[in-house]
């Protein structure tokens, strides 16, 4: 299989990113499809961006400091 070229931007694979792996995707100019070299994920730019936004929900409170814990 011929190696695909890099896209305009380095998008992370949403499937790998959900498992805390930072894998860049490759872009096929002929088909307009991004594909991961580690897993079998393939998708258009729109799909990749939508799934990456869903993954970012995990890190929504990353910059928030929790100093009060009320479990009662």
N, C-alpha and C. Protein backbone atom coordinates (compact mmCIF):
# COMPACT_ATOMS: atom_id res chain seq x y z
N UNK A 1 0.84 -1.17 0.00
CA UNK A 1 0.00 0.00 0.00
C UNK A 1 0.89 1.23 0.00
N UNK A 2 0.57 2.18 -0.85
CA UNK A 2 1.35 3.41 -0.92
C UNK A 2 1.04 4.28 0.28
N UNK A 3 2.06 4.95 0.77
CA UNK A 3 1.87 5.81 1.93
C UNK A 3 1.17 7.09 1.51
N UNK A 4 0.20 7.49 2.28
CA UNK A 4 -0.57 8.69 1.97
C UNK A 4 0.17 9.92 2.47
N UNK A 5 -0.16 11.07 1.92
CA UNK A 5 0.51 12.31 2.32
C UNK A 5 -0.16 12.96 3.51
N UNK A 6 0.55 13.85 4.14
CA UNK A 6 -0.01 14.61 5.26
C UNK A 6 -1.01 15.63 4.74
N UNK A 7 -2.01 15.93 5.53
CA UNK A 7 -3.02 16.91 5.16
C UNK A 7 -2.56 18.32 5.46
N UNK A 8 -3.48 19.26 5.30
CA UNK A 8 -3.17 20.66 5.56
C UNK A 8 -2.81 20.86 7.03
N UNK A 9 -3.59 20.24 7.90
CA UNK A 9 -3.36 20.31 9.34
C UNK A 9 -3.14 18.91 9.86
N UNK A 10 -2.46 18.81 10.96
CA UNK A 10 -2.27 17.50 11.58
C UNK A 10 -3.45 17.22 12.50
N UNK A 11 -4.39 16.41 12.03
CA UNK A 11 -5.53 16.02 12.84
C UNK A 11 -5.19 14.77 13.63
N UNK A 12 -5.71 14.70 14.85
CA UNK A 12 -5.54 13.49 15.66
C UNK A 12 -6.64 12.51 15.31
N UNK A 13 -6.30 11.24 15.38
CA UNK A 13 -7.29 10.19 15.15
C UNK A 13 -8.23 10.16 16.36
N UNK A 14 -9.54 10.34 16.17
CA UNK A 14 -10.47 10.35 17.30
C UNK A 14 -10.52 9.01 18.03
N UNK A 15 -10.41 7.92 17.31
CA UNK A 15 -10.47 6.61 17.95
C UNK A 15 -9.27 6.39 18.86
N UNK A 16 -8.09 6.74 18.39
CA UNK A 16 -6.89 6.59 19.21
C UNK A 16 -6.85 7.62 20.33
N UNK A 17 -7.35 8.84 20.04
CA UNK A 17 -7.34 9.90 21.03
C UNK A 17 -8.24 9.57 22.22
N UNK A 18 -9.31 8.80 22.00
CA UNK A 18 -10.17 8.35 23.10
C UNK A 18 -9.42 7.42 24.05
N UNK A 19 -8.39 6.76 23.53
CA UNK A 19 -7.57 5.86 24.33
C UNK A 19 -6.27 6.53 24.77
N UNK A 20 -6.25 7.86 24.75
CA UNK A 20 -5.09 8.67 25.17
C UNK A 20 -3.84 8.40 24.35
N UNK A 21 -4.02 8.15 23.06
CA UNK A 21 -2.90 8.01 22.14
C UNK A 21 -2.94 9.20 21.19
N UNK A 22 -1.81 9.80 20.96
CA UNK A 22 -1.73 10.98 20.10
C UNK A 22 -1.16 10.56 18.75
N UNK A 23 -2.04 10.15 17.84
CA UNK A 23 -1.63 9.65 16.54
C UNK A 23 -2.14 10.61 15.46
N UNK A 24 -1.23 11.09 14.61
CA UNK A 24 -1.63 11.94 13.49
C UNK A 24 -2.25 11.09 12.39
N UNK A 25 -3.14 11.72 11.64
CA UNK A 25 -3.80 11.03 10.54
C UNK A 25 -3.17 11.45 9.22
N UNK A 26 -3.27 10.59 8.23
CA UNK A 26 -2.79 10.90 6.90
C UNK A 26 -3.97 11.24 6.00
N UNK A 27 -3.72 12.11 5.03
CA UNK A 27 -4.77 12.62 4.15
C UNK A 27 -4.54 12.12 2.73
N UNK A 28 -5.59 11.58 2.11
CA UNK A 28 -5.54 11.15 0.72
C UNK A 28 -6.19 12.24 -0.12
N UNK A 29 -5.41 12.92 -0.93
CA UNK A 29 -5.92 14.04 -1.73
C UNK A 29 -6.94 13.59 -2.77
N UNK A 30 -6.80 12.39 -3.28
CA UNK A 30 -7.70 11.90 -4.33
C UNK A 30 -9.11 11.67 -3.81
N UNK A 31 -9.23 11.08 -2.63
CA UNK A 31 -10.54 10.74 -2.08
C UNK A 31 -11.04 11.74 -1.05
N UNK A 32 -10.14 12.56 -0.49
CA UNK A 32 -10.54 13.51 0.55
C UNK A 32 -10.79 12.85 1.89
N UNK A 33 -10.19 11.68 2.11
CA UNK A 33 -10.40 10.90 3.33
C UNK A 33 -9.15 10.94 4.19
N UNK A 34 -9.35 11.13 5.49
CA UNK A 34 -8.27 11.03 6.46
C UNK A 34 -8.26 9.61 7.00
N UNK A 35 -7.07 9.04 7.19
CA UNK A 35 -6.99 7.69 7.72
C UNK A 35 -5.88 7.61 8.76
N UNK A 36 -6.09 6.75 9.75
CA UNK A 36 -5.14 6.54 10.83
C UNK A 36 -4.18 5.42 10.45
N UNK A 37 -2.91 5.58 10.81
CA UNK A 37 -1.94 4.54 10.48
C UNK A 37 -1.90 3.46 11.56
N UNK A 38 -2.51 3.71 12.72
CA UNK A 38 -2.47 2.75 13.82
C UNK A 38 -3.73 1.88 13.87
N UNK A 39 -4.88 2.50 13.72
CA UNK A 39 -6.14 1.74 13.74
C UNK A 39 -6.80 1.84 12.36
N UNK A 40 -7.99 1.36 12.24
CA UNK A 40 -8.66 1.34 10.93
C UNK A 40 -9.60 2.51 10.72
N UNK A 41 -9.49 3.57 11.53
CA UNK A 41 -10.42 4.69 11.41
C UNK A 41 -10.17 5.46 10.12
N UNK A 42 -11.25 5.79 9.42
CA UNK A 42 -11.21 6.62 8.23
C UNK A 42 -12.40 7.56 8.27
N UNK A 43 -12.21 8.78 7.80
CA UNK A 43 -13.31 9.72 7.78
C UNK A 43 -12.96 11.00 7.05
N UNK A 44 -13.99 11.76 6.74
CA UNK A 44 -13.79 13.05 6.11
C UNK A 44 -13.33 14.06 7.16
N UNK A 45 -12.94 15.24 6.70
CA UNK A 45 -12.47 16.27 7.62
C UNK A 45 -13.58 16.66 8.60
N UNK A 46 -14.80 16.75 8.11
CA UNK A 46 -15.94 17.11 8.97
C UNK A 46 -16.15 16.06 10.07
N UNK A 47 -16.10 14.78 9.72
CA UNK A 47 -16.30 13.70 10.70
C UNK A 47 -15.19 13.70 11.75
N UNK A 48 -13.95 13.88 11.29
CA UNK A 48 -12.81 13.89 12.22
C UNK A 48 -12.95 15.04 13.22
N UNK A 49 -13.32 16.22 12.74
CA UNK A 49 -13.46 17.38 13.63
C UNK A 49 -14.61 17.18 14.62
N UNK A 50 -15.73 16.59 14.17
CA UNK A 50 -16.86 16.34 15.06
C UNK A 50 -16.49 15.36 16.17
N UNK A 51 -15.82 14.26 15.82
CA UNK A 51 -15.45 13.27 16.82
C UNK A 51 -14.38 13.79 17.76
N UNK A 52 -13.47 14.63 17.26
CA UNK A 52 -12.46 15.21 18.14
C UNK A 52 -13.10 16.17 19.15
N UNK A 53 -14.15 16.86 18.77
CA UNK A 53 -14.86 17.73 19.72
C UNK A 53 -15.54 16.89 20.80
N UNK A 54 -16.07 15.73 20.45
CA UNK A 54 -16.68 14.85 21.45
C UNK A 54 -15.64 14.35 22.44
N UNK A 55 -14.44 14.09 21.97
CA UNK A 55 -13.37 13.61 22.85
C UNK A 55 -12.95 14.70 23.81
N UNK A 56 -13.00 15.97 23.39
CA UNK A 56 -12.57 17.08 24.23
C UNK A 56 -13.45 17.27 25.47
N UNK A 57 -14.64 16.66 25.49
CA UNK A 57 -15.51 16.73 26.66
C UNK A 57 -14.82 16.12 27.87
N UNK A 58 -14.00 15.10 27.63
CA UNK A 58 -13.27 14.46 28.73
C UNK A 58 -12.37 15.45 29.46
N UNK A 59 -11.85 16.42 28.73
CA UNK A 59 -10.89 17.35 29.29
C UNK A 59 -11.50 18.72 29.57
N UNK A 60 -12.82 18.79 29.73
CA UNK A 60 -13.51 20.07 29.94
C UNK A 60 -13.12 20.77 31.21
N UNK A 61 -12.81 20.03 32.27
CA UNK A 61 -12.46 20.63 33.56
C UNK A 61 -10.95 20.56 33.81
N UNK A 62 -10.17 20.47 32.76
CA UNK A 62 -8.74 20.30 32.92
C UNK A 62 -8.10 21.51 33.61
N UNK A 63 -8.58 22.72 33.34
CA UNK A 63 -7.98 23.92 33.91
C UNK A 63 -8.74 24.42 35.14
N UNK A 64 -9.71 23.66 35.62
CA UNK A 64 -10.47 24.06 36.79
C UNK A 64 -9.85 23.43 38.04
N UNK A 65 -9.72 24.22 39.08
CA UNK A 65 -9.14 23.71 40.32
C UNK A 65 -10.27 23.31 41.27
N UNK A 66 -10.23 22.09 41.75
CA UNK A 66 -11.20 21.58 42.70
C UNK A 66 -10.56 21.60 44.07
N UNK A 67 -11.09 22.45 44.97
CA UNK A 67 -10.52 22.54 46.31
C UNK A 67 -11.54 22.26 47.40
N UNK A 68 -12.79 22.05 47.02
CA UNK A 68 -13.82 21.72 47.99
C UNK A 68 -14.54 20.45 47.53
N UNK A 69 -14.55 19.47 48.40
CA UNK A 69 -15.17 18.21 48.07
C UNK A 69 -16.32 17.96 49.06
N UNK A 70 -17.55 18.14 48.60
CA UNK A 70 -18.74 17.90 49.41
C UNK A 70 -19.40 16.62 48.94
N UNK A 71 -19.11 15.56 49.61
CA UNK A 71 -19.73 14.28 49.26
C UNK A 71 -20.88 13.93 50.19
N UNK A 72 -21.20 14.81 51.14
CA UNK A 72 -22.28 14.53 52.10
C UNK A 72 -23.62 14.96 51.56
